[in-house]
């Protein structure tokens, strides 16, 4: 789970968010091949945004 931003908005207010997350393997994390989901959590409720598949890198 990547937490990109935490913010409070007023009722009816609109906010546009953008962000990037590197899928490069690091010593502290490894990405596994297969289906994954991108979602936003608003007040603890998950809102699916996109599905994608990670394929194994050719070495």
C-alpha atoms as a PDB file:
ATOM      1  CA  UNK A   1       0.000   0.000   0.000  1.00  0.00           C
ATOM      2  CA  UNK A   2       1.304   3.432  -0.934  1.00  0.00           C
ATOM      3  CA  UNK A   3      -0.167   6.415   0.851  1.00  0.00           C
ATOM      4  CA  UNK A   4       0.282   9.337  -1.504  1.00  0.00           C
ATOM      5  CA  UNK A   5      -1.653  12.065   0.260  1.00  0.00           C
ATOM      6  CA  UNK A   6      -3.935  12.745   3.187  1.00  0.00           C
ATOM      7  CA  UNK A   7      -6.172  15.786   3.135  1.00  0.00           C
ATOM      8  CA  UNK A   8      -9.395  17.233   4.462  1.00  0.00           C
ATOM      9  CA  UNK A   9     -11.897  18.879   2.129  1.00  0.00           C
ATOM     10  CA  UNK A  10     -15.166  20.663   2.794  1.00  0.00           C
ATOM     11  CA  UNK A  11     -18.495  19.130   1.721  1.00  0.00           C
ATOM     12  CA  UNK A  12     -19.068  19.791  -1.981  1.00  0.00           C
ATOM     13  CA  UNK A  13     -15.452  20.819  -2.566  1.00  0.00           C
ATOM     14  CA  UNK A  14     -13.674  19.225  -5.535  1.00  0.00           C
ATOM     15  CA  UNK A  15     -10.034  18.206  -5.589  1.00  0.00           C
ATOM     16  CA  UNK A  16      -7.954  16.781  -8.427  1.00  0.00           C
ATOM     17  CA  UNK A  17      -5.125  14.491  -7.371  1.00  0.00           C
ATOM     18  CA  UNK A  18      -2.161  13.155  -9.315  1.00  0.00           C
ATOM     19  CA  UNK A  19       0.665  10.902  -8.257  1.00  0.00           C
ATOM     20  CA  UNK A  20       3.302   8.470  -9.439  1.00  0.00           C
ATOM     21  CA  UNK A  21       4.606   5.292  -7.890  1.00  0.00           C
ATOM     22  CA  UNK A  22       7.691   3.480  -9.144  1.00  0.00           C
ATOM     23  CA  UNK A  23       7.270  -0.251  -9.708  1.00  0.00           C
ATOM     24  CA  UNK A  24      11.025  -0.814  -9.544  1.00  0.00           C
ATOM     25  CA  UNK A  25      12.065  -3.598  -7.170  1.00  0.00           C
ATOM     26  CA  UNK A  26      14.100  -2.388  -4.213  1.00  0.00           C
ATOM     27  CA  UNK A  27      15.776  -4.175  -1.319  1.00  0.00           C
ATOM     28  CA  UNK A  28      12.834  -3.160   0.885  1.00  0.00           C
ATOM     29  CA  UNK A  29      10.061  -4.221  -1.500  1.00  0.00           C
ATOM     30  CA  UNK A  30       9.456  -6.677  -4.324  1.00  0.00           C
ATOM     31  CA  UNK A  31       6.660  -6.470  -6.875  1.00  0.00           C
ATOM     32  CA  UNK A  32       4.995  -9.711  -7.847  1.00  0.00           C
ATOM     33  CA  UNK A  33       3.753 -10.611 -11.317  1.00  0.00           C
ATOM     34  CA  UNK A  34      -0.006 -10.815 -11.739  1.00  0.00           C
ATOM     35  CA  UNK A  35      -3.106  -8.670 -11.458  1.00  0.00           C
ATOM     36  CA  UNK A  36      -3.099  -5.592  -9.215  1.00  0.00           C
ATOM     37  CA  UNK A  37      -5.613  -2.841  -8.424  1.00  0.00           C
ATOM     38  CA  UNK A  38      -5.279   0.880  -7.908  1.00  0.00           C
ATOM     39  CA  UNK A  39      -7.877   2.328  -5.556  1.00  0.00           C
ATOM     40  CA  UNK A  40      -8.582   5.452  -3.549  1.00  0.00           C
ATOM     41  CA  UNK A  41      -9.687   5.163   0.073  1.00  0.00           C
ATOM     42  CA  UNK A  42     -12.075   7.884   1.154  1.00  0.00           C
ATOM     43  CA  UNK A  43     -13.238   7.787   4.771  1.00  0.00           C
ATOM     44  CA  UNK A  44     -12.175   4.131   4.865  1.00  0.00           C
ATOM     45  CA  UNK A  45     -14.212   3.174   1.783  1.00  0.00           C
ATOM     46  CA  UNK A  46     -12.303   1.762  -1.223  1.00  0.00           C
ATOM     47  CA  UNK A  47     -13.068   3.225  -4.660  1.00  0.00           C
ATOM     48  CA  UNK A  48     -11.470   1.171  -7.484  1.00  0.00           C
ATOM     49  CA  UNK A  49      -9.704   3.355 -10.066  1.00  0.00           C
ATOM     50  CA  UNK A  50      -7.853   0.921 -12.340  1.00  0.00           C
ATOM     51  CA  UNK A  51      -6.716  -2.680 -12.714  1.00  0.00           C
ATOM     52  CA  UNK A  52      -3.349  -3.588 -14.233  1.00  0.00           C
ATOM     53  CA  UNK A  53      -1.099  -6.608 -14.653  1.00  0.00           C
ATOM     54  CA  UNK A  54       2.570  -6.741 -13.732  1.00  0.00           C
ATOM     55  CA  UNK A  55       4.573  -9.014 -16.009  1.00  0.00           C
ATOM     56  CA  UNK A  56       7.909 -10.552 -15.017  1.00  0.00           C
ATOM     57  CA  UNK A  57      10.960  -8.687 -16.309  1.00  0.00           C
ATOM     58  CA  UNK A  58      13.132 -10.424 -18.873  1.00  0.00           C
ATOM     59  CA  UNK A  59      16.686 -10.655 -17.626  1.00  0.00           C
END
